[in-house]
Amino acid sequence: LDPDFDPEVTYEEASRYVLDAIQVMGPEYSKIMEEGIHNRWVD
């Protein structure tokens, strides 16, 4: 709907978005997310 505004998001930028967003869930949950992003859980 807004084709003139579609900035690219790198995997690293996306990872920061996600990790910041889930901080409300607490340290145990956040640590799992960090491991998934940084330890090659994702193809």
PDB file of all heavy atoms in Angstrom:
ATOM      1  N   LEU A   1       0.823  -1.208   0.000  1.00  0.00           N
ATOM      2  CA  LEU A   1       0.000   0.000   0.000  1.00  0.00           C
ATOM      3  C   LEU A   1       0.855   1.255   0.000  1.00  0.00           C
ATOM      4  O   LEU A   1       0.395   2.319  -0.397  1.00  0.00           O
ATOM      5  CB  LEU A   1      -0.907   0.002   1.242  1.00  0.00           C
ATOM      6  CG  LEU A   1      -2.411  -0.021   0.996  1.00  0.00           C
ATOM      7  CD1 LEU A   1      -3.171  -0.033   2.307  1.00  0.00           C
ATOM      8  CD2 LEU A   1      -2.857   1.171   0.150  1.00  0.00           C
ATOM      9  N   ASP A   2       2.072   1.130   0.487  1.00  0.00           N
ATOM     10  CA  ASP A   2       2.961   2.291   0.573  1.00  0.00           C
ATOM     11  C   ASP A   2       4.283   1.939  -0.108  1.00  0.00           C
ATOM     12  O   ASP A   2       5.325   1.828   0.534  1.00  0.00           O
ATOM     13  CB  ASP A   2       3.185   2.633   2.047  1.00  0.00           C
ATOM     14  CG  ASP A   2       3.663   4.064   2.242  1.00  0.00           C
ATOM     15  OD1 ASP A   2       3.834   4.770   1.231  1.00  0.00           O
ATOM     16  OD2 ASP A   2       3.865   4.462   3.403  1.00  0.00           O
ATOM     17  N   PRO A   3       4.248   1.727  -1.428  1.00  0.00           N
ATOM     18  CA  PRO A   3       5.430   1.198  -2.128  1.00  0.00           C
ATOM     19  C   PRO A   3       6.655   2.101  -2.075  1.00  0.00           C
ATOM     20  O   PRO A   3       7.776   1.634  -2.242  1.00  0.00           O
ATOM     21  CB  PRO A   3       4.937   1.035  -3.572  1.00  0.00           C
ATOM     22  CG  PRO A   3       3.779   1.969  -3.695  1.00  0.00           C
ATOM     23  CD  PRO A   3       3.137   1.991  -2.345  1.00  0.00           C
ATOM     24  N   ASP A   4       6.446   3.403  -1.831  1.00  0.00           N
ATOM     25  CA  ASP A   4       7.592   4.319  -1.789  1.00  0.00           C
ATOM     26  C   ASP A   4       8.341   4.239  -0.468  1.00  0.00           C
ATOM     27  O   ASP A   4       9.413   4.827  -0.313  1.00  0.00           O
ATOM     28  CB  ASP A   4       7.124   5.762  -2.020  1.00  0.00           C
ATOM     29  CG  ASP A   4       6.538   5.950  -3.408  1.00  0.00           C
ATOM     30  OD1 ASP A   4       6.994   5.250  -4.328  1.00  0.00           O
ATOM     31  OD2 ASP A   4       5.615   6.767  -3.546  1.00  0.00           O
ATOM     32  N   PHE A   5       7.754   3.526   0.506  1.00  0.00           N
ATOM     33  CA  PHE A   5       8.416   3.397   1.805  1.00  0.00           C
ATOM     34  C   PHE A   5       8.512   1.915   2.147  1.00  0.00           C
ATOM     35  O   PHE A   5       7.616   1.332   2.740  1.00  0.00           O
ATOM     36  CB  PHE A   5       7.629   4.132   2.891  1.00  0.00           C
ATOM     37  CG  PHE A   5       8.355   4.179   4.219  1.00  0.00           C
ATOM     38  CD1 PHE A   5       9.405   5.068   4.426  1.00  0.00           C
ATOM     39  CD2 PHE A   5       8.000   3.333   5.254  1.00  0.00           C
ATOM     40  CE1 PHE A   5      10.078   5.115   5.635  1.00  0.00           C
ATOM     41  CE2 PHE A   5       8.668   3.368   6.469  1.00  0.00           C
ATOM     42  CZ  PHE A   5       9.710   4.260   6.664  1.00  0.00           C
ATOM     43  N   ASP A   6       9.600   1.307   1.719  1.00  0.00           N
ATOM     44  CA  ASP A   6       9.809  -0.115   1.997  1.00  0.00           C
ATOM     45  C   ASP A   6      11.302  -0.360   2.208  1.00  0.00           C
ATOM     46  O   ASP A   6      11.961  -1.010   1.401  1.00  0.00           O
ATOM     47  CB  ASP A   6       9.279  -0.973   0.843  1.00  0.00           C
ATOM     48  CG  ASP A   6       9.289  -2.459   1.187  1.00  0.00           C
ATOM     49  OD1 ASP A   6       9.300  -2.785   2.394  1.00  0.00           O
ATOM     50  OD2 ASP A   6       9.301  -3.286   0.260  1.00  0.00           O
ATOM     51  N   PRO A   7      11.844   0.197   3.292  1.00  0.00           N
ATOM     52  CA  PRO A   7      13.288   0.057   3.531  1.00  0.00           C
ATOM     53  C   PRO A   7      13.694  -1.399   3.709  1.00  0.00           C
ATOM     54  O   PRO A   7      12.946  -2.194   4.284  1.00  0.00           O
ATOM     55  CB  PRO A   7      13.500   0.852   4.826  1.00  0.00           C
ATOM     56  CG  PRO A   7      12.163   0.899   5.477  1.00  0.00           C
ATOM     57  CD  PRO A   7      11.167   0.920   4.377  1.00  0.00           C
ATOM     58  N   GLU A   8      14.860  -1.708   3.198  1.00  0.00           N
ATOM     59  CA  GLU A   8      15.372  -3.070   3.375  1.00  0.00           C
ATOM     60  C   GLU A   8      15.773  -3.289   4.834  1.00  0.00           C
ATOM     61  O   GLU A   8      16.222  -2.360   5.514  1.00  0.00           O
ATOM     62  CB  GLU A   8      16.563  -3.321   2.456  1.00  0.00           C
ATOM     63  CG  GLU A   8      16.185  -3.429   0.990  1.00  0.00           C
ATOM     64  CD  GLU A   8      17.277  -4.099   0.175  1.00  0.00           C
ATOM     65  OE1 GLU A   8      18.429  -4.193   0.668  1.00  0.00           O
ATOM     66  OE2 GLU A   8      16.981  -4.552  -0.940  1.00  0.00           O
ATOM     67  N   VAL A   9      15.604  -4.497   5.282  1.00  0.00           N
ATOM     68  CA  VAL A   9      15.965  -4.862   6.655  1.00  0.00           C
ATOM     69  C   VAL A   9      16.924  -6.045   6.585  1.00  0.00           C
ATOM     70  O   VAL A   9      16.558  -7.121   6.105  1.00  0.00           O
ATOM     71  CB  VAL A   9      14.711  -5.251   7.473  1.00  0.00           C
ATOM     72  CG1 VAL A   9      15.098  -5.559   8.921  1.00  0.00           C
ATOM     73  CG2 VAL A   9      13.662  -4.158   7.431  1.00  0.00           C
ATOM     74  N   THR A  10      18.141  -5.860   7.029  1.00  0.00           N
ATOM     75  CA  THR A  10      19.093  -6.965   7.033  1.00  0.00           C
ATOM     76  C   THR A  10      18.740  -7.942   8.150  1.00  0.00           C
ATOM     77  O   THR A  10      17.969  -7.619   9.066  1.00  0.00           O
ATOM     78  CB  THR A  10      20.530  -6.464   7.255  1.00  0.00           C
ATOM     79  OG1 THR A  10      20.629  -5.921   8.591  1.00  0.00           O
ATOM     80  CG2 THR A  10      20.916  -5.405   6.233  1.00  0.00           C
ATOM     81  N   TYR A  11      19.331  -9.112   8.097  1.00  0.00           N
ATOM     82  CA  TYR A  11      19.082 -10.112   9.138  1.00  0.00           C
ATOM     83  C   TYR A  11      19.548  -9.590  10.496  1.00  0.00           C
ATOM     84  O   TYR A  11      18.891  -9.814  11.515  1.00  0.00           O
ATOM     85  CB  TYR A  11      19.809 -11.415   8.788  1.00  0.00           C
ATOM     86  CG  TYR A  11      19.601 -12.515   9.804  1.00  0.00           C
ATOM     87  CD1 TYR A  11      18.349 -13.106   9.967  1.00  0.00           C
ATOM     88  CD2 TYR A  11      20.648 -12.962  10.609  1.00  0.00           C
ATOM     89  CE1 TYR A  11      18.141 -14.116  10.896  1.00  0.00           C
ATOM     90  CE2 TYR A  11      20.456 -13.971  11.540  1.00  0.00           C
ATOM     91  CZ  TYR A  11      19.206 -14.541  11.671  1.00  0.00           C
ATOM     92  OH  TYR A  11      19.009 -15.534  12.597  1.00  0.00           O
ATOM     93  N   GLU A  12      20.655  -8.871  10.492  1.00  0.00           N
ATOM     94  CA  GLU A  12      21.183  -8.325  11.754  1.00  0.00           C
ATOM     95  C   GLU A  12      20.232  -7.277  12.332  1.00  0.00           C
ATOM     96  O   GLU A  12      19.972  -7.262  13.543  1.00  0.00           O
ATOM     97  CB  GLU A  12      22.574  -7.710  11.522  1.00  0.00           C
ATOM     98  CG  GLU A  12      23.667  -8.720  11.197  1.00  0.00           C
ATOM     99  CD  GLU A  12      23.541  -9.349   9.817  1.00  0.00           C
ATOM    100  OE1 GLU A  12      22.912  -8.710   8.919  1.00  0.00           O
ATOM    101  OE2 GLU A  12      24.022 -10.484   9.633  1.00  0.00           O
ATOM    102  N   GLU A  13      19.699  -6.404  11.470  1.00  0.00           N
ATOM    103  CA  GLU A  13      18.744  -5.397  11.935  1.00  0.00           C
ATOM    104  C   GLU A  13      17.457  -6.047  12.434  1.00  0.00           C
ATOM    105  O   GLU A  13      16.906  -5.670  13.480  1.00  0.00           O
ATOM    106  CB  GLU A  13      18.427  -4.425  10.791  1.00  0.00           C
ATOM    107  CG  GLU A  13      19.587  -3.505  10.436  1.00  0.00           C
ATOM    108  CD  GLU A  13      19.355  -2.760   9.130  1.00  0.00           C
ATOM    109  OE1 GLU A  13      18.564  -3.257   8.287  1.00  0.00           O
ATOM    110  OE2 GLU A  13      19.963  -1.686   8.943  1.00  0.00           O
ATOM    111  N   ALA A  14      16.994  -7.044  11.699  1.00  0.00           N
ATOM    112  CA  ALA A  14      15.775  -7.755  12.089  1.00  0.00           C
ATOM    113  C   ALA A  14      15.966  -8.437  13.436  1.00  0.00           C
ATOM    114  O   ALA A  14      15.059  -8.443  14.284  1.00  0.00           O
ATOM    115  CB  ALA A  14      15.411  -8.791  11.024  1.00  0.00           C
ATOM    116  N   SER A  15      17.140  -9.007  13.640  1.00  0.00           N
ATOM    117  CA  SER A  15      17.436  -9.689  14.903  1.00  0.00           C
ATOM    118  C   SER A  15      17.336  -8.728  16.082  1.00  0.00           C
ATOM    119  O   SER A  15      16.801  -9.066  17.138  1.00  0.00           O
ATOM    120  CB  SER A  15      18.836 -10.308  14.849  1.00  0.00           C
ATOM    121  OG  SER A  15      18.925 -11.266  13.816  1.00  0.00           O
ATOM    122  N   ARG A  16      17.844  -7.500  15.885  1.00  0.00           N
ATOM    123  CA  ARG A  16      17.778  -6.494  16.955  1.00  0.00           C
ATOM    124  C   ARG A  16      16.326  -6.105  17.244  1.00  0.00           C
ATOM    125  O   ARG A  16      15.925  -5.944  18.399  1.00  0.00           O
ATOM    126  CB  ARG A  16      18.608  -5.264  16.591  1.00  0.00           C
ATOM    127  CG  ARG A  16      20.114  -5.500  16.692  1.00  0.00           C
ATOM    128  CD  ARG A  16      20.876  -4.183  16.708  1.00  0.00           C
ATOM    129  NE  ARG A  16      20.736  -3.445  15.461  1.00  0.00           N
ATOM    130  CZ  ARG A  16      21.516  -3.643  14.387  1.00  0.00           C
ATOM    131  NH1 ARG A  16      22.480  -4.551  14.435  1.00  0.00           N
ATOM    132  NH2 ARG A  16      21.332  -2.928  13.291  1.00  0.00           N
ATOM    133  N   TYR A  17      15.543  -5.946  16.185  1.00  0.00           N
ATOM    134  CA  TYR A  17      14.116  -5.650  16.370  1.00  0.00           C
ATOM    135  C   TYR A  17      13.450  -6.710  17.246  1.00  0.00           C
ATOM    136  O   TYR A  17      12.736  -6.406  18.202  1.00  0.00           O
ATOM    137  CB  TYR A  17      13.395  -5.626  15.017  1.00  0.00           C
ATOM    138  CG  TYR A  17      13.434  -4.320  14.268  1.00  0.00           C
ATOM    139  CD1 TYR A  17      13.828  -4.283  12.931  1.00  0.00           C
ATOM    140  CD2 TYR A  17      13.035  -3.130  14.867  1.00  0.00           C
ATOM    141  CE1 TYR A  17      13.849  -3.094  12.209  1.00  0.00           C
ATOM    142  CE2 TYR A  17      13.049  -1.935  14.158  1.00  0.00           C
ATOM    143  CZ  TYR A  17      13.461  -1.919  12.833  1.00  0.00           C
ATOM    144  OH  TYR A  17      13.477  -0.738  12.138  1.00  0.00           O
ATOM    145  N   VAL A  18      13.695  -7.979  16.886  1.00  0.00           N
ATOM    146  CA  VAL A  18      13.039  -9.084  17.592  1.00  0.00           C
ATOM    147  C   VAL A  18      13.506  -9.156  19.047  1.00  0.00           C
ATOM    148  O   VAL A  18      12.691  -9.276  19.971  1.00  0.00           O
ATOM    149  CB  VAL A  18      13.304 -10.426  16.875  1.00  0.00           C
ATOM    150  CG1 VAL A  18      12.730 -11.593  17.683  1.00  0.00           C
ATOM    151  CG2 VAL A  18      12.693 -10.416  15.471  1.00  0.00           C
ATOM    152  N   LEU A  19      14.812  -9.071  19.257  1.00  0.00           N
ATOM    153  CA  LEU A  19      15.345  -9.187  20.618  1.00  0.00           C
ATOM    154  C   LEU A  19      14.865  -8.040  21.509  1.00  0.00           C
ATOM    155  O   LEU A  19      14.573  -8.249  22.687  1.00  0.00           O
ATOM    156  CB  LEU A  19      16.878  -9.222  20.584  1.00  0.00           C
ATOM    157  CG  LEU A  19      17.484 -10.497  19.971  1.00  0.00           C
ATOM    158  CD1 LEU A  19      19.010 -10.384  19.911  1.00  0.00           C
ATOM    159  CD2 LEU A  19      17.078 -11.735  20.750  1.00  0.00           C
ATOM    160  N   ASP A  20      14.764  -6.848  20.954  1.00  0.00           N
ATOM    161  CA  ASP A  20      14.245  -5.718  21.733  1.00  0.00           C
ATOM    162  C   ASP A  20      12.766  -5.927  22.062  1.00  0.00           C
ATOM    163  O   ASP A  20      12.308  -5.628  23.168  1.00  0.00           O
ATOM    164  CB  ASP A  20      14.416  -4.407  20.962  1.00  0.00           C
ATOM    165  CG  ASP A  20      15.875  -3.957  20.892  1.00  0.00           C
ATOM    166  OD1 ASP A  20      16.693  -4.499  21.672  1.00  0.00           O
ATOM    167  OD2 ASP A  20      16.188  -3.082  20.063  1.00  0.00           O
ATOM    168  N   ALA A  21      12.021  -6.459  21.101  1.00  0.00           N
ATOM    169  CA  ALA A  21      10.572  -6.609  21.269  1.00  0.00           C
ATOM    170  C   ALA A  21      10.208  -7.624  22.342  1.00  0.00           C
ATOM    171  O   ALA A  21       9.207  -7.459  23.046  1.00  0.00           O
ATOM    172  CB  ALA A  21       9.932  -7.011  19.939  1.00  0.00           C
ATOM    173  N   ILE A  22      11.014  -8.679  22.493  1.00  0.00           N
ATOM    174  CA  ILE A  22      10.640  -9.759  23.413  1.00  0.00           C
ATOM    175  C   ILE A  22      11.252  -9.589  24.815  1.00  0.00           C
ATOM    176  O   ILE A  22      11.105 -10.474  25.658  1.00  0.00           O
ATOM    177  CB  ILE A  22      10.977 -11.157  22.830  1.00  0.00           C
ATOM    178  CG1 ILE A  22      12.460 -11.270  22.413  1.00  0.00           C
ATOM    179  CG2 ILE A  22      10.086 -11.473  21.640  1.00  0.00           C
ATOM    180  CD1 ILE A  22      13.391 -11.647  23.473  1.00  0.00           C
ATOM    181  N   GLN A  23      11.901  -8.453  25.059  1.00  0.00           N
ATOM    182  CA  GLN A  23      12.480  -8.225  26.385  1.00  0.00           C
ATOM    183  C   GLN A  23      11.428  -8.318  27.485  1.00  0.00           C
ATOM    184  O   GLN A  23      11.710  -8.746  28.603  1.00  0.00           O
ATOM    185  CB  GLN A  23      13.140  -6.840  26.433  1.00  0.00           C
ATOM    186  CG  GLN A  23      14.444  -6.738  25.663  1.00  0.00           C
ATOM    187  CD  GLN A  23      15.520  -7.677  26.191  1.00  0.00           C
ATOM    188  OE1 GLN A  23      15.773  -7.722  27.390  1.00  0.00           O
ATOM    189  NE2 GLN A  23      16.126  -8.435  25.294  1.00  0.00           N
ATOM    190  N   VAL A  24      10.203  -7.926  27.171  1.00  0.00           N
ATOM    191  CA  VAL A  24       9.120  -7.959  28.159  1.00  0.00           C
ATOM    192  C   VAL A  24       8.870  -9.365  28.689  1.00  0.00           C
ATOM    193  O   VAL A  24       8.350  -9.549  29.790  1.00  0.00           O
ATOM    194  CB  VAL A  24       7.818  -7.375  27.538  1.00  0.00           C
ATOM    195  CG1 VAL A  24       7.290  -8.282  26.423  1.00  0.00           C
ATOM    196  CG2 VAL A  24       6.748  -7.184  28.601  1.00  0.00           C
ATOM    197  N   MET A  25       9.295 -10.386  27.933  1.00  0.00           N
ATOM    198  CA  MET A  25       9.057 -11.779  28.334  1.00  0.00           C
ATOM    199  C   MET A  25      10.061 -12.279  29.377  1.00  0.00           C
ATOM    200  O   MET A  25       9.928 -13.387  29.875  1.00  0.00           O
ATOM    201  CB  MET A  25       9.099 -12.698  27.107  1.00  0.00           C
ATOM    202  CG  MET A  25       8.084 -12.342  26.049  1.00  0.00           C
ATOM    203  SD  MET A  25       6.385 -12.590  26.596  1.00  0.00           S
ATOM    204  CE  MET A  25       6.184 -14.323  26.272  1.00  0.00           C
ATOM    205  N   GLY A  26      11.073 -11.487  29.679  1.00  0.00           N
ATOM    206  CA  GLY A  26      12.000 -11.858  30.740  1.00  0.00           C
ATOM    207  C   GLY A  26      13.277 -12.506  30.253  1.00  0.00           C
ATOM    208  O   GLY A  26      13.398 -12.868  29.079  1.00  0.00           O
ATOM    209  N   PRO A  27      14.255 -12.688  31.164  1.00  0.00           N
ATOM    210  CA  PRO A  27      15.599 -13.138  30.772  1.00  0.00           C
ATOM    211  C   PRO A  27      15.663 -14.560  30.218  1.00  0.00           C
ATOM    212  O   PRO A  27      16.437 -14.826  29.298  1.00  0.00           O
ATOM    213  CB  PRO A  27      16.406 -13.009  32.070  1.00  0.00           C
ATOM    214  CG  PRO A  27      15.387 -12.997  33.170  1.00  0.00           C
ATOM    215  CD  PRO A  27      14.177 -12.348  32.590  1.00  0.00           C
ATOM    216  N   GLU A  28      14.898 -15.496  30.786  1.00  0.00           N
ATOM    217  CA  GLU A  28      14.988 -16.889  30.307  1.00  0.00           C
ATOM    218  C   GLU A  28      14.544 -16.975  28.847  1.00  0.00           C
ATOM    219  O   GLU A  28      15.223 -17.594  28.009  1.00  0.00           O
ATOM    220  CB  GLU A  28      14.129 -17.810  31.169  1.00  0.00           C
ATOM    221  CG  GLU A  28      14.242 -19.282  30.753  1.00  0.00           C
ATOM    222  CD  GLU A  28      13.393 -20.218  31.599  1.00  0.00           C
ATOM    223  OE1 GLU A  28      12.484 -19.732  32.318  1.00  0.00           O
ATOM    224  OE2 GLU A  28      13.620 -21.444  31.538  1.00  0.00           O
ATOM    225  N   TYR A  29      13.427 -16.364  28.533  1.00  0.00           N
ATOM    226  CA  TYR A  29      12.905 -16.388  27.168  1.00  0.00           C
ATOM    227  C   TYR A  29      13.843 -15.626  26.223  1.00  0.00           C
ATOM    228  O   TYR A  29      14.140 -16.092  25.115  1.00  0.00           O
ATOM    229  CB  TYR A  29      11.506 -15.769  27.150  1.00  0.00           C
ATOM    230  CG  TYR A  29      10.755 -15.956  25.859  1.00  0.00           C
ATOM    231  CD1 TYR A  29      10.041 -17.125  25.610  1.00  0.00           C
ATOM    232  CD2 TYR A  29      10.738 -14.955  24.885  1.00  0.00           C
ATOM    233  CE1 TYR A  29       9.332 -17.292  24.420  1.00  0.00           C
ATOM    234  CE2 TYR A  29      10.030 -15.111  23.696  1.00  0.00           C
ATOM    235  CZ  TYR A  29       9.328 -16.283  23.470  1.00  0.00           C
ATOM    236  OH  TYR A  29       8.640 -16.451  22.286  1.00  0.00           O
ATOM    237  N   SER A  30      14.326 -14.472  26.672  1.00  0.00           N
ATOM    238  CA  SER A  30      15.213 -13.659  25.836  1.00  0.00           C
ATOM    239  C   SER A  30      16.500 -14.399  25.491  1.00  0.00           C
ATOM    240  O   SER A  30      17.007 -14.303  24.364  1.00  0.00           O
ATOM    241  CB  SER A  30      15.544 -12.343  26.542  1.00  0.00           C
ATOM    242  OG  SER A  30      14.402 -11.557  26.739  1.00  0.00           O
ATOM    243  N   LYS A  31      17.019 -15.142  26.447  1.00  0.00           N
ATOM    244  CA  LYS A  31      18.262 -15.885  26.199  1.00  0.00           C
ATOM    245  C   LYS A  31      18.065 -16.949  25.115  1.00  0.00           C
ATOM    246  O   LYS A  31      18.949 -17.184  24.286  1.00  0.00           O
ATOM    247  CB  LYS A  31      18.752 -16.539  27.494  1.00  0.00           C
ATOM    248  CG  LYS A  31      20.166 -17.112  27.381  1.00  0.00           C
ATOM    249  CD  LYS A  31      20.686 -17.520  28.744  1.00  0.00           C
ATOM    250  CE  LYS A  31      22.160 -17.913  28.679  1.00  0.00           C
ATOM    251  NZ  LYS A  31      22.426 -19.025  27.776  1.00  0.00           N
ATOM    252  N   ILE A  32      16.906 -17.578  25.115  1.00  0.00           N
ATOM    253  CA  ILE A  32      16.604 -18.572  24.070  1.00  0.00           C
ATOM    254  C   ILE A  32      16.607 -17.901  22.704  1.00  0.00           C
ATOM    255  O   ILE A  32      17.171 -18.426  21.733  1.00  0.00           O
ATOM    256  CB  ILE A  32      15.234 -19.234  24.340  1.00  0.00           C
ATOM    257  CG1 ILE A  32      15.269 -20.037  25.637  1.00  0.00           C
ATOM    258  CG2 ILE A  32      14.836 -20.154  23.174  1.00  0.00           C
ATOM    259  CD1 ILE A  32      13.900 -20.471  26.134  1.00  0.00           C
ATOM    260  N   MET A  33      15.975 -16.724  22.605  1.00  0.00           N
ATOM    261  CA  MET A  33      15.935 -15.999  21.339  1.00  0.00           C
ATOM    262  C   MET A  33      17.351 -15.633  20.862  1.00  0.00           C
ATOM    263  O   MET A  33      17.679 -15.749  19.681  1.00  0.00           O
ATOM    264  CB  MET A  33      15.106 -14.716  21.476  1.00  0.00           C
ATOM    265  CG  MET A  33      13.649 -14.908  21.887  1.00  0.00           C
ATOM    266  SD  MET A  33      12.620 -15.795  20.703  1.00  0.00           S
ATOM    267  CE  MET A  33      12.558 -17.422  21.472  1.00  0.00           C
ATOM    268  N   GLU A  34      18.187 -15.187  21.803  1.00  0.00           N
ATOM    269  CA  GLU A  34      19.565 -14.817  21.459  1.00  0.00           C
ATOM    270  C   GLU A  34      20.338 -16.022  20.934  1.00  0.00           C
ATOM    271  O   GLU A  34      21.079 -15.918  19.952  1.00  0.00           O
ATOM    272  CB  GLU A  34      20.266 -14.238  22.688  1.00  0.00           C
ATOM    273  CG  GLU A  34      19.761 -12.859  23.093  1.00  0.00           C
ATOM    274  CD  GLU A  34      20.310 -12.413  24.440  1.00  0.00           C
ATOM    275  OE1 GLU A  34      21.188 -13.129  24.985  1.00  0.00           O
ATOM    276  OE2 GLU A  34      19.862 -11.371  24.957  1.00  0.00           O
ATOM    277  N   GLU A  35      20.179 -17.153  21.599  1.00  0.00           N
ATOM    278  CA  GLU A  35      20.870 -18.366  21.148  1.00  0.00           C
ATOM    279  C   GLU A  35      20.423 -18.745  19.741  1.00  0.00           C
ATOM    280  O   GLU A  35      21.226 -19.123  18.892  1.00  0.00           O
ATOM    281  CB  GLU A  35      20.585 -19.512  22.120  1.00  0.00           C
ATOM    282  CG  GLU A  35      21.274 -19.362  23.471  1.00  0.00           C
ATOM    283  CD  GLU A  35      20.915 -20.496  24.420  1.00  0.00           C
ATOM    284  OE1 GLU A  35      20.265 -21.456  23.978  1.00  0.00           O
ATOM    285  OE2 GLU A  35      21.279 -20.401  25.605  1.00  0.00           O
ATOM    286  N   GLY A  36      19.126 -18.648  19.493  1.00  0.00           N
ATOM    287  CA  GLY A  36      18.611 -19.007  18.184  1.00  0.00           C
ATOM    288  C   GLY A  36      19.164 -18.141  17.076  1.00  0.00           C
ATOM    289  O   GLY A  36      19.489 -18.618  15.982  1.00  0.00           O
ATOM    290  N   ILE A  37      19.303 -16.862  17.350  1.00  0.00           N
ATOM    291  CA  ILE A  37      19.779 -15.920  16.338  1.00  0.00           C
ATOM    292  C   ILE A  37      21.281 -16.031  16.112  1.00  0.00           C
ATOM    293  O   ILE A  37      21.750 -15.977  14.970  1.00  0.00           O
ATOM    294  CB  ILE A  37      19.393 -14.479  16.747  1.00  0.00           C
ATOM    295  CG1 ILE A  37      17.887 -14.267  16.527  1.00  0.00           C
ATOM    296  CG2 ILE A  37      20.216 -13.443  15.989  1.00  0.00           C
ATOM    297  CD1 ILE A  37      17.340 -13.005  17.145  1.00  0.00           C
ATOM    298  N   HIS A  38      22.021 -16.203  17.183  1.00  0.00           N
ATOM    299  CA  HIS A  38      23.491 -16.131  17.075  1.00  0.00           C
ATOM    300  C   HIS A  38      24.179 -17.491  16.904  1.00  0.00           C
ATOM    301  O   HIS A  38      25.357 -17.534  16.548  1.00  0.00           O
ATOM    302  CB  HIS A  38      24.074 -15.430  18.304  1.00  0.00           C
ATOM    303  CG  HIS A  38      23.606 -14.022  18.466  1.00  0.00           C
ATOM    304  ND1 HIS A  38      23.735 -13.072  17.468  1.00  0.00           N
ATOM    305  CD2 HIS A  38      22.993 -13.382  19.512  1.00  0.00           C
ATOM    306  CE1 HIS A  38      23.230 -11.920  17.885  1.00  0.00           C
ATOM    307  NE2 HIS A  38      22.774 -12.076  19.116  1.00  0.00           N
ATOM    308  N   ASN A  39      23.485 -18.590  17.149  1.00  0.00           N
ATOM    309  CA  ASN A  39      24.141 -19.901  17.123  1.00  0.00           C
ATOM    310  C   ASN A  39      23.705 -20.782  15.961  1.00  0.00           C
ATOM    311  O   ASN A  39      23.667 -22.002  16.072  1.00  0.00           O
ATOM    312  CB  ASN A  39      23.878 -20.642  18.445  1.00  0.00           C
ATOM    313  CG  ASN A  39      24.538 -19.961  19.623  1.00  0.00           C
ATOM    314  OD1 ASN A  39      25.361 -19.056  19.445  1.00  0.00           O
ATOM    315  ND2 ASN A  39      24.193 -20.365  20.826  1.00  0.00           N
ATOM    316  N   ARG A  40      23.302 -20.151  14.862  1.00  0.00           N
ATOM    317  CA  ARG A  40      22.976 -20.850  13.613  1.00  0.00           C
ATOM    318  C   ARG A  40      21.850 -21.879  13.786  1.00  0.00           C
ATOM    319  O   ARG A  40      21.931 -22.995  13.305  1.00  0.00           O
ATOM    320  CB  ARG A  40      24.217 -21.518  13.013  1.00  0.00           C
ATOM    321  CG  ARG A  40      25.185 -20.533  12.352  1.00  0.00           C
ATOM    322  CD  ARG A  40      26.400 -21.221  11.782  1.00  0.00           C
ATOM    323  NE  ARG A  40      26.022 -22.241  10.809  1.00  0.00           N
ATOM    324  CZ  ARG A  40      26.778 -23.305  10.534  1.00  0.00           C
ATOM    325  NH1 ARG A  40      27.931 -23.484  11.138  1.00  0.00           N
ATOM    326  NH2 ARG A  40      26.378 -24.182   9.629  1.00  0.00           N
ATOM    327  N   TRP A  41      20.785 -21.429  14.450  1.00  0.00           N
ATOM    328  CA  TRP A  41      19.564 -22.234  14.456  1.00  0.00           C
ATOM    329  C   TRP A  41      18.769 -21.998  13.170  1.00  0.00           C
ATOM    330  O   TRP A  41      17.872 -22.760  12.842  1.00  0.00           O
ATOM    331  CB  TRP A  41      18.667 -21.861  15.639  1.00  0.00           C
ATOM    332  CG  TRP A  41      19.189 -22.205  16.999  1.00  0.00           C
ATOM    333  CD1 TRP A  41      20.453 -22.628  17.318  1.00  0.00           C
ATOM    334  CD2 TRP A  41      18.464 -22.142  18.237  1.00  0.00           C
ATOM    335  NE1 TRP A  41      20.555 -22.824  18.673  1.00  0.00           N
ATOM    336  CE2 TRP A  41      19.342 -22.543  19.255  1.00  0.00           C
ATOM    337  CE3 TRP A  41      17.157 -21.773  18.554  1.00  0.00           C
ATOM    338  CZ2 TRP A  41      18.951 -22.590  20.596  1.00  0.00           C
ATOM    339  CZ3 TRP A  41      16.762 -21.826  19.888  1.00  0.00           C
ATOM    340  CH2 TRP A  41      17.649 -22.235  20.903  1.00  0.00           C
ATOM    341  N   VAL A  42      19.085 -20.889  12.454  1.00  0.00           N
ATOM    342  CA  VAL A  42      18.254 -20.441  11.331  1.00  0.00           C
ATOM    343  C   VAL A  42      18.968 -20.660  10.001  1.00  0.00           C
ATOM    344  O   VAL A  42      20.131 -20.303   9.845  1.00  0.00           O
ATOM    345  CB  VAL A  42      17.913 -18.939  11.469  1.00  0.00           C
ATOM    346  CG1 VAL A  42      16.911 -18.523  10.392  1.00  0.00           C
ATOM    347  CG2 VAL A  42      17.361 -18.635  12.867  1.00  0.00           C
ATOM    348  N   ASP A  43      18.239 -21.256   9.028  1.00  0.00           N
ATOM    349  CA  ASP A  43      18.753 -21.418   7.671  1.00  0.00           C
ATOM    350  C   ASP A  43      18.102 -20.349   6.797  1.00  0.00           C
ATOM    351  O   ASP A  43      16.887 -20.344   6.607  1.00  0.00           O
ATOM    352  CB  ASP A  43      18.427 -22.813   7.128  1.00  0.00           C
ATOM    353  CG  ASP A  43      19.269 -23.155   5.919  1.00  0.00           C
ATOM    354  OD1 ASP A  43      18.929 -22.708   4.803  1.00  0.00           O
ATOM    355  OD2 ASP A  43      20.279 -23.858   6.084  1.00  0.00           O
TER     356      ASP A  43
END
